[in-house]
């Protein structure tokens, strides 16, 4: 790193440099425990940066600052430092905290105050802070009153709301059932790789590692996959490993442990889910079958099996459709009948078949009548089963035809016209 340590009060120090592990490398300056000699190098000096700006740096881990564990520190940051525009090619755009397994990576107190992190990026994860696993217990105290993700401008595929991410910490499983029945009930499980902050490992990091996730179970349980080589799948870019459906075989009330293993191995904690083989559904009985139990139909049960239920549903649907067709036919028949009744009522005014007959109408004195003698029969028009049809004349005018069985002679001067009339 270039720049000055112990800058003048209020003067912002620019730290701008690149390297394999950050612009600033915080390492253990503790001298060797061997006896000092006149030629021994003096202890490494300590530097404190106040009101500094770590800006525009790039590194593999910790684009701005790389911290390796030490009880003593050679570099620390005081008040109001800004970490802006730094980039990590792997983890920790602004800051990476390593764990060398010897000393704590961070001192048990805050060594930053009021720092601002903005526009930092990381190709893998942790645009603000990246760290190894296990995460130091004091990760949340190293910086007081700091703005970790200023304006939501720090970006990385893997990180929490503050821009923190770590190496993979656990392999978990989603939607793993607590119990299944013995009747070959299929199971779907998705394994997910997460970091110490609960972030799903995804993106370029997962693709670069080429992880494979395998699944197995313990004896006396047996795991049978529905697909060839279905017990080992690749970890996808979104950080999930969806396994094909599988079945568990075993004795009733057996607890089967399903184990998940990551390759290449990262020495993660044991990952498993427990599934209990729990009897048979209603209408079935447990039937021993060698090393495992199965479910058989209970012949004494009145519960329908799936085929019977399907046939019953089909019959009900057919009955409903048939009933609807009958209802439609009845509706149209009634409309036709109603229309015919309306036609009768319209042709014969005041007609009510319940209280009046045709004879009543013919004998009604209020209805005008044409005497038979007033009608003169003319030329014969035709003849049918009901009688003979003639042209008719009344007072010298053609009034239409008449029906009857007698004959008549029209007057000498016949008018035109003709048609159906009364007899």
Protein backbone atom coordinates (compact mmCIF):
# COMPACT_ATOMS: atom_id res chain seq x y z
CA UNK A 1 0.00 0.00 0.00
CA UNK A 2 1.17 3.45 -0.59
CA UNK A 3 0.43 6.47 1.55
CA UNK A 4 1.45 7.73 4.92
CA UNK A 5 0.68 6.34 8.31
CA UNK A 6 -0.13 8.66 11.18
CA UNK A 7 -1.45 11.37 8.86
CA UNK A 8 -2.03 14.88 10.06
CA UNK A 9 -5.24 15.44 11.96
CA UNK A 10 -8.19 15.88 9.64
CA UNK A 11 -6.18 15.04 6.54
CA UNK A 12 -7.69 12.25 4.37
CA UNK A 13 -5.12 9.62 3.47
CA UNK A 14 -5.47 7.93 0.07
CA UNK A 15 -4.60 4.23 0.00
CA UNK A 16 -4.58 3.00 -3.55
CA UNK A 17 -2.78 -0.17 -4.58
CA UNK A 18 -3.49 -3.68 -5.81
CA UNK A 19 -2.12 -7.06 -4.95
CA UNK A 20 -2.89 -10.67 -4.20
CA UNK A 21 -4.55 -9.85 -0.89
CA UNK A 22 -5.71 -6.29 -0.68
CA UNK A 23 -4.39 -2.76 -0.67
CA UNK A 24 -3.64 -3.06 3.04
CA UNK A 25 -2.42 -6.34 4.52
CA UNK A 26 -2.91 -6.72 8.25
CA UNK A 27 -0.58 -9.49 9.45
CA UNK A 28 0.86 -10.69 12.71
CA UNK A 29 3.87 -8.52 13.58
CA UNK A 30 4.75 -10.46 16.73
CA UNK A 31 8.51 -11.16 16.65
CA UNK A 32 9.91 -14.65 16.84
CA UNK A 33 10.17 -16.05 20.41
CA UNK A 34 13.88 -16.76 19.82
CA UNK A 35 16.37 -14.81 21.93
CA UNK A 36 17.03 -11.37 20.47
CA UNK A 37 20.40 -10.69 18.97
CA UNK A 38 22.14 -7.47 18.02
CA UNK A 39 21.41 -8.25 14.39
CA UNK A 40 17.69 -8.96 14.96
CA UNK A 41 15.23 -6.78 13.03
CA UNK A 42 13.18 -4.40 15.12
CA UNK A 43 9.49 -5.17 15.65
CA UNK A 44 7.20 -4.21 12.80
CA UNK A 45 5.78 -0.72 13.27
CA UNK A 46 2.08 -0.06 13.79
CA UNK A 47 0.04 2.25 11.61
CA UNK A 48 -3.28 3.90 12.27
CA UNK A 49 -5.36 5.48 9.51
CA UNK A 50 -7.87 8.19 10.45
CA UNK A 51 -10.22 9.90 7.99
CA UNK A 52 -8.77 7.79 5.19
CA UNK A 53 -10.17 6.64 1.87
CA UNK A 54 -9.45 3.14 0.60
CA UNK A 55 -10.54 3.63 -2.97
CA UNK A 56 -10.25 1.86 -6.34
CA UNK A 57 -8.24 -1.19 -5.25
CA UNK A 58 -8.46 -4.74 -6.57
CA UNK A 59 -7.28 -8.09 -5.21
CA UNK A 60 -8.20 -11.76 -5.15
CA UNK A 61 -9.38 -11.63 -1.51
CA UNK A 62 -10.13 -8.32 0.17
CA UNK A 63 -9.97 -5.74 -2.58
CA UNK A 64 -9.41 -2.94 -0.05
CA UNK A 65 -8.11 -4.57 3.14
CA UNK A 66 -6.98 -8.12 3.95
CA UNK A 67 -6.94 -9.12 7.65
CA UNK A 68 -5.11 -12.23 8.88
CA UNK A 69 -5.60 -13.19 12.51
CA UNK A 70 -3.42 -11.66 15.22
CA UNK A 71 -3.78 -10.55 18.79
CA UNK A 72 -1.55 -7.61 17.93
CA UNK A 73 -2.08 -5.54 14.87
CA UNK A 74 0.24 -3.64 12.63
CA UNK A 75 -2.48 -1.66 10.86
CA UNK A 76 -5.74 -0.29 12.24
CA UNK A 77 -8.37 2.18 11.06
CA UNK A 78 -9.65 4.93 13.26
CA UNK A 79 -12.53 7.32 12.67
CA UNK A 80 -14.46 8.14 9.51
CA UNK A 81 -12.71 6.05 6.91
CA UNK A 82 -14.34 5.39 3.54
CA UNK A 83 -14.07 2.21 1.49
CA UNK A 84 -15.17 3.12 -2.02
CA UNK A 85 -14.96 1.36 -5.39
CA UNK A 86 -12.84 -1.60 -4.34
CA UNK A 87 -13.13 -4.98 -6.08
CA UNK A 88 -12.39 -8.57 -5.05
CA UNK A 89 -11.97 -11.22 -7.69
CA UNK A 90 -13.25 -13.73 -5.15
CA UNK A 91 -14.58 -12.63 -1.72
CA UNK A 92 -14.54 -9.36 0.24
CA UNK A 93 -14.75 -6.36 -2.06
CA UNK A 94 -13.82 -3.85 0.65
CA UNK A 95 -12.54 -6.15 3.40
CA UNK A 96 -11.60 -9.81 3.80
CA UNK A 97 -11.11 -11.33 7.26
CA UNK A 98 -9.04 -14.53 7.20
CA UNK A 99 -8.76 -17.16 9.90
CA UNK A 100 -5.34 -18.73 10.27
CA UNK A 101 -6.55 -21.03 13.04
CA UNK A 102 -3.97 -19.71 15.51
CA UNK A 103 -5.08 -16.30 16.69
CA UNK A 104 -8.47 -14.59 16.41
CA UNK A 105 -8.81 -12.73 13.15
CA UNK A 106 -10.22 -9.69 14.92
CA UNK A 107 -9.40 -8.09 18.24
CA UNK A 108 -12.22 -8.29 20.80
CA UNK A 109 -13.08 -4.63 20.35
CA UNK A 110 -13.99 -2.18 17.63
CA UNK A 111 -11.16 -1.00 15.44
CA UNK A 112 -13.32 1.03 13.06
CA UNK A 113 -15.79 3.79 13.84
CA UNK A 114 -18.16 5.57 11.49
CA UNK A 115 -16.76 3.93 8.36
CA UNK A 116 -18.67 4.11 5.07
CA UNK A 117 -18.68 1.33 2.45
CA UNK A 118 -19.94 2.22 -1.02
CA UNK A 119 -19.60 0.96 -4.63
CA UNK A 120 -17.55 -2.10 -3.65
CA UNK A 121 -17.95 -5.30 -5.63
CA UNK A 122 -16.94 -8.95 -5.40
CA UNK A 123 -17.06 -11.51 -8.18
CA UNK A 124 -17.93 -14.38 -5.83
CA UNK A 125 -19.44 -12.86 -2.69
CA UNK A 126 -19.28 -10.29 0.10
CA UNK A 127 -19.00 -6.92 -1.60
CA UNK A 128 -18.40 -5.29 1.80
CA UNK A 129 -16.94 -8.06 3.98
CA UNK A 130 -15.87 -11.56 3.03
CA UNK A 131 -14.63 -14.05 5.58
CA UNK A 132 -13.60 -17.63 6.00
CA UNK A 133 -15.65 -20.22 7.83
CA UNK A 134 -16.04 -20.41 10.78
CA UNK A 135 -16.93 -16.74 11.03
CA UNK A 136 -15.23 -14.93 13.91
CA UNK A 137 -17.52 -14.39 16.88
CA UNK A 138 -16.61 -10.70 16.96
CA UNK A 139 -17.51 -10.06 13.32
CA UNK A 140 -20.28 -7.71 14.45
CA UNK A 141 -18.13 -5.56 16.75
CA UNK A 142 -15.17 -4.62 14.59
CA UNK A 143 -16.98 -1.55 13.24
CA UNK A 144 -19.29 0.72 15.29
CA UNK A 145 -21.86 3.04 13.73
CA UNK A 146 -20.74 2.06 10.26
CA UNK A 147 -22.74 2.31 7.04
CA UNK A 148 -22.05 -1.07 5.48
CA UNK A 149 -24.14 -0.79 2.33
CA UNK A 150 -24.33 2.93 1.62
CA UNK A 151 -27.20 3.59 -0.77
CA UNK A 152 -27.42 -0.12 -1.61
CA UNK A 153 -24.48 0.36 -3.99
CA UNK A 154 -22.33 -2.63 -3.05
CA UNK A 155 -22.89 -5.66 -5.26
CA UNK A 156 -22.01 -9.36 -5.24
CA UNK A 157 -23.92 -12.56 -6.11
CA UNK A 158 -23.59 -13.88 -2.55
CA UNK A 159 -24.19 -11.52 0.37
CA UNK A 160 -26.70 -10.46 3.01
CA UNK A 161 -28.34 -7.04 3.31
CA UNK A 162 -25.12 -5.58 4.76
CA UNK A 163 -22.92 -7.02 2.02
CA UNK A 164 -21.44 -9.82 4.20
CA UNK A 165 -20.61 -13.32 2.91
CA UNK A 166 -18.42 -16.24 3.88
CA UNK A 167 -17.08 -19.44 2.42
CA UNK A 168 -19.62 -22.35 2.41
CA UNK A 169 -20.69 -23.21 5.94
CA UNK A 170 -23.38 -25.89 5.63
CA UNK A 171 -25.25 -28.13 3.22
CA UNK A 172 -28.95 -28.01 4.05
CA UNK A 173 -32.03 -29.74 2.66
CA UNK A 174 -35.40 -28.25 1.77
CA UNK A 175 -38.84 -29.89 1.94
CA UNK A 176 -37.55 -33.08 3.52
CA UNK A 177 -40.66 -34.78 5.04
CA UNK A 178 -40.67 -35.86 8.66
CA UNK A 179 -42.56 -39.07 7.84
CA UNK A 180 -43.87 -41.13 4.90
CA UNK A 181 -46.12 -44.17 4.66
CA UNK A 182 -45.00 -47.64 3.62
CA UNK A 183 -46.95 -47.70 0.32
CA UNK A 184 -44.04 -46.49 -1.85
CA UNK A 185 -44.75 -42.81 -1.25
CA UNK A 186 -42.29 -40.82 -3.37
CA UNK A 187 -40.08 -38.13 -1.81
CA UNK A 188 -38.67 -34.97 -3.39
CA UNK A 189 -35.69 -33.29 -1.73
CA UNK A 190 -33.58 -30.27 -2.70
CA UNK A 191 -30.15 -29.76 -1.13
CA UNK A 192 -28.92 -26.16 -0.76
CA UNK A 193 -25.39 -24.92 -0.04
CA UNK A 194 -25.32 -21.90 2.32
CA UNK A 195 -22.70 -19.67 3.93
CA UNK A 196 -22.41 -18.67 7.60
CA UNK A 197 -24.74 -15.70 7.08
CA UNK A 198 -27.56 -17.80 5.60
CA UNK A 199 -26.82 -16.78 2.01
CA UNK A 200 -27.29 -19.41 -0.69
CA UNK A 201 -24.01 -20.03 -2.50
CA UNK A 202 -24.65 -19.31 -6.16
CA UNK A 203 -23.33 -17.73 -9.34
CA UNK A 204 -19.72 -17.79 -10.52
CA UNK A 205 -18.43 -19.34 -7.30
CA UNK A 206 -20.60 -22.45 -7.67
CA UNK A 207 -19.79 -22.81 -11.36
CA UNK A 208 -16.07 -22.47 -10.69
CA UNK A 209 -16.05 -25.19 -8.03
CA UNK A 210 -18.08 -27.80 -9.94
CA UNK A 211 -19.69 -29.18 -6.78
CA UNK A 212 -21.51 -32.53 -6.75
CA UNK A 213 -24.00 -33.48 -4.02
CA UNK A 214 -24.61 -37.14 -3.16
CA UNK A 215 -27.42 -38.65 -1.08
CA UNK A 216 -27.47 -41.87 0.93
CA UNK A 217 -29.27 -43.52 3.86
CA UNK A 218 -28.42 -45.76 6.75
CA UNK A 219 -29.14 -49.48 7.22
CA UNK A 220 -31.62 -51.11 7.57
CA UNK A 221 -33.28 -48.50 5.35
CA UNK A 222 -32.88 -48.67 1.58
CA UNK A 223 -33.05 -45.71 -0.79
CA UNK A 224 -34.38 -46.36 -4.31
CA UNK A 225 -34.18 -43.54 -6.85
CA UNK A 226 -36.64 -43.14 -9.72
CA UNK A 227 -33.78 -42.23 -12.07
CA UNK A 228 -30.47 -43.81 -12.98
CA UNK A 229 -27.64 -42.32 -10.90
CA UNK A 230 -30.34 -40.29 -9.14
CA UNK A 231 -28.47 -40.25 -5.83
CA UNK A 232 -25.80 -37.84 -7.13
CA UNK A 233 -26.59 -34.52 -8.80
CA UNK A 234 -24.63 -31.40 -9.72
CA UNK A 235 -25.03 -28.24 -7.66
CA UNK A 236 -26.75 -25.81 -10.00
CA UNK A 237 -25.86 -22.17 -10.56
CA UNK A 238 -28.61 -21.06 -8.17
CA UNK A 239 -26.97 -23.07 -5.36
CA UNK A 240 -29.57 -25.88 -5.30
CA UNK A 241 -29.26 -29.60 -5.98
CA UNK A 242 -32.72 -31.03 -6.78
CA UNK A 243 -32.78 -34.82 -6.52
CA UNK A 244 -35.12 -36.99 -8.61
CA UNK A 245 -38.00 -38.54 -6.70
CA UNK A 246 -37.00 -41.52 -4.59
CA UNK A 247 -38.51 -44.10 -2.23
CA UNK A 248 -37.50 -45.35 1.20
CA UNK A 249 -37.84 -49.03 2.09
CA UNK A 250 -37.71 -50.37 5.63
CA UNK A 251 -39.65 -51.73 8.55
CA UNK A 252 -42.59 -49.85 10.04
CA UNK A 253 -41.66 -47.10 12.55
CA UNK A 254 -38.02 -47.11 11.37
CA UNK A 255 -36.27 -43.73 11.34
CA UNK A 256 -34.24 -43.39 8.15
CA UNK A 257 -31.40 -40.88 8.09
CA UNK A 258 -30.80 -39.26 4.70
CA UNK A 259 -27.22 -37.98 4.44
CA UNK A 260 -25.96 -35.32 2.03
CA UNK A 261 -22.30 -35.11 1.04
CA UNK A 262 -20.54 -32.37 -0.95
CA UNK A 263 -17.72 -33.09 -3.37
CA UNK A 264 -15.09 -31.71 -3.43
CA UNK A 265 -15.32 -31.98 0.31
CA UNK A 266 -15.08 -28.79 2.37
CA UNK A 267 -15.19 -30.42 5.83
CA UNK A 268 -18.66 -29.04 6.47
CA UNK A 269 -20.80 -30.12 9.44
CA UNK A 270 -22.82 -33.31 9.06
CA UNK A 271 -25.90 -32.71 6.90
CA UNK A 272 -28.90 -34.99 7.17
CA UNK A 273 -32.67 -35.17 7.50
CA UNK A 274 -34.64 -37.82 9.39
CA UNK A 275 -37.68 -39.53 7.85
CA UNK A 276 -39.91 -41.93 9.81
CA UNK A 277 -41.60 -44.83 7.98
CA UNK A 278 -45.08 -44.45 9.43
CA UNK A 279 -47.55 -47.25 8.70
CA UNK A 280 -50.15 -47.34 5.93
CA UNK A 281 -53.00 -45.06 4.89
CA UNK A 282 -56.61 -45.83 5.73
CA UNK A 283 -57.94 -48.92 3.95
CA UNK A 284 -54.57 -50.68 3.91
CA UNK A 285 -52.75 -53.02 6.28
CA UNK A 286 -49.03 -53.56 6.91
CA UNK A 287 -47.67 -56.59 5.12
CA UNK A 288 -44.12 -57.87 5.84
CA UNK A 289 -41.99 -58.32 2.73
CA UNK A 290 -38.56 -59.62 3.64
CA UNK A 291 -36.33 -56.86 4.98
CA UNK A 292 -39.02 -54.20 4.62
CA UNK A 293 -42.76 -53.71 5.07
CA UNK A 294 -45.31 -52.77 2.43
CA UNK A 295 -48.98 -51.82 2.36
CA UNK A 296 -51.71 -54.19 1.14
CA UNK A 297 -55.41 -53.49 0.57
CA UNK A 298 -57.51 -54.38 3.59
CA UNK A 299 -60.19 -56.75 2.24
CA UNK A 300 -62.35 -56.12 5.29
CA UNK A 301 -62.31 -52.39 4.82
CA UNK A 302 -65.26 -50.56 3.29
CA UNK A 303 -63.03 -47.79 2.07
CA UNK A 304 -62.91 -47.52 -1.71
CA UNK A 305 -59.60 -47.92 -3.44
CA UNK A 306 -58.41 -45.36 -5.95
CA UNK A 307 -59.88 -47.20 -8.98
CA UNK A 308 -63.31 -47.49 -7.36
CA UNK A 309 -63.23 -43.82 -6.45
CA UNK A 310 -62.38 -42.90 -10.04
CA UNK A 311 -65.26 -45.01 -11.44
CA UNK A 312 -67.66 -43.47 -8.92
CA UNK A 313 -66.61 -39.96 -9.89
CA UNK A 314 -67.10 -40.75 -13.60
CA UNK A 315 -70.59 -42.15 -12.94
CA UNK A 316 -71.55 -39.04 -10.99
CA UNK A 317 -70.34 -36.81 -13.81
CA UNK A 318 -72.32 -38.80 -16.41
CA UNK A 319 -75.46 -38.60 -14.26
CA UNK A 320 -75.07 -34.84 -13.87
CA UNK A 321 -74.60 -34.36 -17.64
CA UNK A 322 -77.64 -36.60 -18.41
CA UNK A 323 -79.77 -34.65 -15.94
CA UNK A 324 -78.76 -31.38 -17.56
CA UNK A 325 -79.75 -32.71 -21.02
CA UNK A 326 -83.16 -33.81 -19.73
CA UNK A 327 -83.69 -30.41 -18.18
CA UNK A 328 -82.90 -28.71 -21.50
CA UNK A 329 -85.33 -30.96 -23.39
CA UNK A 330 -88.09 -30.28 -20.87
CA UNK A 331 -87.44 -26.54 -21.11
CA UNK A 332 -87.72 -26.47 -24.91
CA UNK A 333 -90.86 -28.67 -24.86
CA UNK A 334 -92.55 -26.28 -22.44
CA UNK A 335 -91.62 -23.28 -24.59
CA UNK A 336 -93.19 -24.96 -27.62
CA UNK A 337 -96.38 -25.80 -25.72
CA UNK A 338 -96.63 -22.27 -24.34
CA UNK A 339 -96.17 -20.78 -27.79
CA UNK A 340 -99.04 -22.90 -29.21
CA UNK A 341 -101.38 -21.86 -26.39
CA UNK A 342 -100.59 -18.23 -27.07
CA UNK A 343 -101.43 -18.72 -30.76
CA UNK A 344 -104.85 -20.19 -29.86
CA UNK A 345 -105.65 -17.36 -27.49
CA UNK A 346 -104.57 -14.75 -30.08
CA UNK A 347 -106.72 -16.28 -32.92
CA UNK A 348 -109.89 -16.59 -30.77
CA UNK A 349 -110.21 -13.55 -28.47
CA UNK A 350 -111.53 -14.16 -24.96
CA UNK A 351 -111.09 -17.88 -25.43
CA UNK A 352 -110.65 -19.88 -22.28
CA UNK A 353 -110.77 -23.61 -22.85
CA UNK A 354 -111.37 -24.20 -19.15
CA UNK A 355 -114.75 -22.37 -19.09
CA UNK A 356 -115.87 -21.99 -22.75
CA UNK A 357 -116.49 -24.39 -25.64
CA UNK A 358 -116.84 -23.81 -29.40
CA UNK A 359 -120.57 -24.54 -29.14
CA UNK A 360 -120.89 -21.72 -26.59
CA UNK A 361 -119.33 -19.32 -29.09
CA UNK A 362 -121.58 -20.46 -31.98
CA UNK A 363 -124.71 -20.04 -29.84
CA UNK A 364 -123.69 -16.65 -28.46
CA UNK A 365 -126.45 -14.18 -29.54
CA UNK A 366 -124.02 -11.27 -29.37
CA UNK A 367 -121.97 -12.62 -32.24
CA UNK A 368 -123.41 -11.48 -35.67
CA UNK A 369 -124.64 -14.23 -38.06
CA UNK A 370 -125.00 -14.36 -41.85
CA UNK A 371 -128.17 -16.27 -42.83
CA UNK A 372 -127.65 -19.10 -45.27
CA UNK A 373 -130.37 -17.68 -47.52
CA UNK A 374 -128.34 -14.48 -48.02
CA UNK A 375 -125.53 -16.40 -49.69
CA UNK A 376 -125.72 -17.40 -53.36
CA UNK A 377 -123.51 -20.22 -54.46
CA UNK A 378 -121.55 -19.78 -57.68
CA UNK A 379 -119.03 -21.84 -59.59
CA UNK A 380 -117.74 -25.00 -57.98
CA UNK A 381 -114.13 -24.62 -56.94
CA UNK A 382 -113.29 -28.00 -55.56
CA UNK A 383 -114.36 -30.94 -53.50
CA UNK A 384 -112.84 -32.68 -50.53
CA UNK A 385 -113.67 -35.11 -47.78
CA UNK A 386 -115.39 -32.39 -45.75
CA UNK A 387 -117.62 -31.19 -48.62
CA UNK A 388 -117.78 -29.12 -51.81
CA UNK A 389 -116.27 -25.66 -52.17
CA UNK A 390 -118.10 -22.98 -54.23
CA UNK A 391 -117.64 -19.38 -55.02
CA UNK A 392 -120.04 -17.37 -52.89
CA UNK A 393 -122.01 -14.18 -53.48
CA UNK A 394 -123.77 -11.96 -51.01
CA UNK A 395 -125.89 -9.08 -52.27
CA UNK A 396 -124.25 -9.42 -55.65
CA UNK A 397 -120.72 -9.22 -54.32
CA UNK A 398 -118.26 -12.03 -54.19
CA UNK A 399 -117.60 -12.92 -50.61
CA UNK A 400 -115.51 -16.00 -51.12
CA UNK A 401 -116.23 -19.65 -51.38
CA UNK A 402 -118.61 -21.79 -49.39
CA UNK A 403 -118.73 -25.40 -48.36
CA UNK A 404 -121.63 -27.70 -48.38
CA UNK A 405 -123.16 -30.75 -49.97
CA UNK A 406 -125.96 -29.03 -52.02
CA UNK A 407 -125.79 -27.18 -55.33
CA UNK A 408 -126.71 -23.70 -56.39
CA UNK A 409 -126.85 -21.48 -59.45
CA UNK A 410 -125.01 -18.16 -59.48
CA UNK A 411 -126.83 -15.03 -60.71
CA UNK A 412 -126.43 -14.03 -64.37
CA UNK A 413 -123.91 -11.32 -63.69
CA UNK A 414 -121.11 -12.94 -61.78
CA UNK A 415 -118.48 -10.96 -60.01
CA UNK A 416 -114.91 -11.87 -59.65
CA UNK A 417 -113.25 -13.26 -56.62
CA UNK A 418 -113.38 -16.43 -54.80
CA UNK A 419 -111.73 -18.20 -51.99
CA UNK A 420 -112.51 -19.97 -48.88
CA UNK A 421 -115.69 -18.96 -47.03
CA UNK A 422 -118.39 -20.33 -44.82
CA UNK A 423 -121.01 -22.91 -45.78
